[in-house]
């Protein structure tokens, strides 16, 4: 679960950064 949450957080942060 920790790995999944970390991946989701990374994707979310990346999306915000791209925007």
C-alpha atoms as a PDB file:
ATOM      1  CA  UNK A   1       0.000   0.000   0.000  1.00  0.00           C
ATOM      2  CA  UNK A   2       2.832   2.375   0.838  1.00  0.00           C
ATOM      3  CA  UNK A   3       4.379   1.908  -2.601  1.00  0.00           C
ATOM      4  CA  UNK A   4       1.040   2.534  -4.327  1.00  0.00           C
ATOM      5  CA  UNK A   5       0.406   5.708  -2.309  1.00  0.00           C
ATOM      6  CA  UNK A   6       3.934   6.933  -3.069  1.00  0.00           C
ATOM      7  CA  UNK A   7       3.424   6.329  -6.796  1.00  0.00           C
ATOM      8  CA  UNK A   8       0.107   8.183  -6.770  1.00  0.00           C
ATOM      9  CA  UNK A   9       1.648  11.113  -4.890  1.00  0.00           C
ATOM     10  CA  UNK A  10       4.515  11.254  -7.413  1.00  0.00           C
ATOM     11  CA  UNK A  11       2.130  11.254 -10.371  1.00  0.00           C
ATOM     12  CA  UNK A  12      -0.040  13.941  -8.769  1.00  0.00           C
ATOM     13  CA  UNK A  13       2.975  16.152  -8.043  1.00  0.00           C
ATOM     14  CA  UNK A  14       4.299  15.603 -11.570  1.00  0.00           C
ATOM     15  CA  UNK A  15       0.940  16.574 -13.070  1.00  0.00           C
ATOM     16  CA  UNK A  16       0.874  19.779 -11.017  1.00  0.00           C
ATOM     17  CA  UNK A  17       4.454  20.532 -12.027  1.00  0.00           C
ATOM     18  CA  UNK A  18       3.684  20.003 -15.714  1.00  0.00           C
ATOM     19  CA  UNK A  19       0.752  22.400 -15.459  1.00  0.00           C
END
